[in-house]
C-alpha atoms as a PDB file:
ATOM      1  CA  MET A   1       0.000   0.000   0.000  1.00  0.00           C
ATOM      2  CA  VAL A   2       1.255   3.475  -0.850  1.00  0.00           C
ATOM      3  CA  GLN A   3       1.760   5.741   2.155  1.00  0.00           C
ATOM      4  CA  LEU A   4       0.160   9.146   1.792  1.00  0.00           C
ATOM      5  CA  THR A   5       1.844  10.621   4.847  1.00  0.00           C
ATOM      6  CA  VAL A   6       5.471  11.242   5.725  1.00  0.00           C
ATOM      7  CA  ASP A   7       7.277  11.739   9.000  1.00  0.00           C
ATOM      8  CA  PRO A   8       8.210  15.240  10.215  1.00  0.00           C
ATOM      9  CA  GLN A   9      11.916  14.689   9.491  1.00  0.00           C
ATOM     10  CA  THR A  10      11.294  13.887   5.822  1.00  0.00           C
ATOM     11  CA  SER A  11       8.662  16.609   5.539  1.00  0.00           C
ATOM     12  CA  SER A  12      10.995  19.221   6.949  1.00  0.00           C
ATOM     13  CA  GLU A  13      13.824  18.102   4.637  1.00  0.00           C
ATOM     14  CA  ILE A  14      11.504  18.571   1.650  1.00  0.00           C
ATOM     15  CA  MET A  15      10.714  22.060   2.927  1.00  0.00           C
ATOM     16  CA  GLY A  16      14.308  22.913   3.853  1.00  0.00           C
ATOM     17  CA  ALA A  17      13.515  23.484   7.528  1.00  0.00           C
ATOM     18  CA  ASP A  18      14.214  21.803  10.839  1.00  0.00           C
ATOM     19  CA  PRO A  19      11.487  19.391  12.013  1.00  0.00           C
ATOM     20  CA  GLU A  20      10.450  21.358  15.104  1.00  0.00           C
ATOM     21  CA  SER A  21      10.061  24.643  13.206  1.00  0.00           C
ATOM     22  CA  PHE A  22       8.122  22.938  10.435  1.00  0.00           C
ATOM     23  CA  LEU A  23       5.740  21.192  12.857  1.00  0.00           C
ATOM     24  CA  ASN A  24       5.190  24.486  14.670  1.00  0.00           C
ATOM     25  CA  PHE A  25       4.386  26.157  11.348  1.00  0.00           C
ATOM     26  CA  LEU A  26       1.892  23.422  10.484  1.00  0.00           C
ATOM     27  CA  HIS A  27       0.213  23.544  13.868  1.00  0.00           C
ATOM     28  CA  GLN A  28      -0.198  27.320  13.640  1.00  0.00           C
ATOM     29  CA  SER A  29      -1.276  27.656  10.022  1.00  0.00           C
ATOM     30  CA  GLN A  30      -2.712  24.371   8.775  1.00  0.00           C
ATOM     31  CA  SER A  31      -5.350  23.010  11.105  1.00  0.00           C
ATOM     32  CA  GLY A  32      -5.930  19.343  10.478  1.00  0.00           C
ATOM     33  CA  SER A  33      -2.858  18.922   8.281  1.00  0.00           C
ATOM     34  CA  VAL A  34      -0.803  17.067  10.884  1.00  0.00           C
ATOM     35  CA  ILE A  35      -1.917  13.639  12.061  1.00  0.00           C
ATOM     36  CA  LYS A  36      -0.715  11.844  15.170  1.00  0.00           C
ATOM     37  CA  LEU A  37      -0.771   8.054  14.803  1.00  0.00           C
ATOM     38  CA  ASN A  38       0.661   5.734  17.457  1.00  0.00           C
ATOM     39  CA  ASN A  39       2.332   8.726  19.144  1.00  0.00           C
ATOM     40  CA  ASN A  40       4.111   9.654  15.898  1.00  0.00           C
ATOM     41  CA  TRP A  41       3.380  12.783  13.907  1.00  0.00           C
ATOM     42  CA  ARG A  42       2.669  12.361  10.183  1.00  0.00           C
ATOM     43  CA  VAL A  43       2.193  14.990   7.460  1.00  0.00           C
ATOM     44  CA  SER A  44      -0.072  14.400   4.479  1.00  0.00           C
ATOM     45  CA  ILE A  45       1.531  14.575   1.030  1.00  0.00           C
ATOM     46  CA  PHE A  46      -1.513  16.609   0.034  1.00  0.00           C
ATOM     47  CA  THR A  47      -0.616  19.201   2.668  1.00  0.00           C
ATOM     48  CA  LEU A  48       2.990  19.333   1.473  1.00  0.00           C
ATOM     49  CA  ALA A  49       1.854  19.721  -2.124  1.00  0.00           C
ATOM     50  CA  GLU A  50      -0.538  22.521  -1.157  1.00  0.00           C
ATOM     51  CA  ILE A  51       2.179  24.402   0.743  1.00  0.00           C
ATOM     52  CA  LEU A  52       4.502  24.048  -2.253  1.00  0.00           C
ATOM     53  CA  ASN A  53       1.724  25.149  -4.626  1.00  0.00           C
ATOM     54  CA  THR A  54       1.883  21.964  -6.679  1.00  0.00           C
ATOM     55  CA  THR A  55      -0.045  18.728  -7.091  1.00  0.00           C
ATOM     56  CA  PRO A  56       0.599  15.589  -5.060  1.00  0.00           C
ATOM     57  CA  ALA A  57       1.496  13.771  -8.311  1.00  0.00           C
ATOM     58  CA  THR A  58       4.107  16.395  -9.192  1.00  0.00           C
ATOM     59  CA  LEU A  59       5.515  16.277  -5.663  1.00  0.00           C
ATOM     60  CA  LEU A  60       5.798  12.479  -5.779  1.00  0.00           C
ATOM     61  CA  ASP A  61       7.359  12.579  -9.267  1.00  0.00           C
ATOM     62  CA  THR A  62       9.932  15.111  -8.057  1.00  0.00           C
ATOM     63  CA  LEU A  63      10.774  13.032  -4.993  1.00  0.00           C
ATOM     64  CA  GLU A  64      11.003   9.895  -7.116  1.00  0.00           C
ATOM     65  CA  ASP A  65      13.362  11.622  -9.564  1.00  0.00           C
ATOM     66  CA  TYR A  66      15.507  12.885  -6.690  1.00  0.00           C
ATOM     67  CA  GLU A  67      15.740   9.421  -5.147  1.00  0.00           C
ATOM     68  CA  LEU A  68      16.546   7.840  -8.520  1.00  0.00           C
ATOM     69  CA  GLY A  69      19.338  10.374  -9.020  1.00  0.00           C
ATOM     70  CA  ARG A  70      20.689   9.626  -5.550  1.00  0.00           C
ATOM     71  CA  LEU A  71      20.690   5.898  -6.300  1.00  0.00           C
ATOM     72  CA  ILE A  72      22.430   6.451  -9.653  1.00  0.00           C
ATOM     73  CA  GLU A  73      25.127   8.511  -7.950  1.00  0.00           C
ATOM     74  CA  SER A  74      25.646   5.787  -5.363  1.00  0.00           C
ATOM     75  CA  VAL A  75      26.855   3.348  -8.052  1.00  0.00           C
ATOM     76  CA  ASP A  76      29.074   5.777  -9.994  1.00  0.00           C
ATOM     77  CA  ASP A  77      32.235   4.151  -8.631  1.00  0.00           C
ATOM     78  CA  ASP A  78      30.903   0.590  -8.669  1.00  0.00           C
ATOM     79  CA  ASP A  79      33.169  -1.669 -10.748  1.00  0.00           C
ATOM     80  CA  PHE A  80      30.301  -4.074 -11.486  1.00  0.00           C
ATOM     81  CA  PHE A  81      27.877  -1.458 -12.762  1.00  0.00           C
ATOM     82  CA  ASP A  82      27.723  -0.881 -16.516  1.00  0.00           C
ATOM     83  CA  ALA A  83      26.264   2.582 -17.120  1.00  0.00           C
ATOM     84  CA  ASP A  84      25.308   1.841 -20.733  1.00  0.00           C
ATOM     85  CA  GLU A  85      23.472  -1.330 -19.740  1.00  0.00           C
ATOM     86  CA  GLY A  86      21.728   0.533 -16.920  1.00  0.00           C
ATOM     87  CA  GLN A  87      20.621   3.244 -19.359  1.00  0.00           C
ATOM     88  CA  LYS A  88      19.148   0.628 -21.705  1.00  0.00           C
ATOM     89  CA  ILE A  89      17.245  -1.017 -18.854  1.00  0.00           C
ATOM     90  CA  TYR A  90      15.951   2.370 -17.666  1.00  0.00           C
ATOM     91  CA  GLN A  91      14.811   3.334 -21.177  1.00  0.00           C
ATOM     92  CA  GLN A  92      13.032   0.000 -21.500  1.00  0.00           C
ATOM     93  CA  TYR A  93      11.303   0.630 -18.165  1.00  0.00           C
ATOM     94  CA  LEU A  94      10.162   4.075 -19.329  1.00  0.00           C
ATOM     95  CA  ALA A  95       8.830   2.648 -22.606  1.00  0.00           C
ATOM     96  CA  GLU A  96       6.773   0.063 -20.695  1.00  0.00           C
ATOM     97  CA  ALA A  97       5.399   2.663 -18.283  1.00  0.00           C
END
């Protein structure tokens, strides 16, 4: 199942703020946008998208692209990774999607 909420640490990183300041901002300005489940705060991706003036789909696409880039960078110095082969596999994946 896809999670539609994120923890305050991840939320604040997306916003470029520290978690405490971001949670305080949400509590003061966005009633109902922060959810406490099992004593853990969660922030809706819909709330994050609204604050960033974008759609949830665009936000998720951006985060997915960022994570993909981070993963690609992590194998730059890997002796067993063939960049050309990886590019072919990625292009095939895009064509199927």
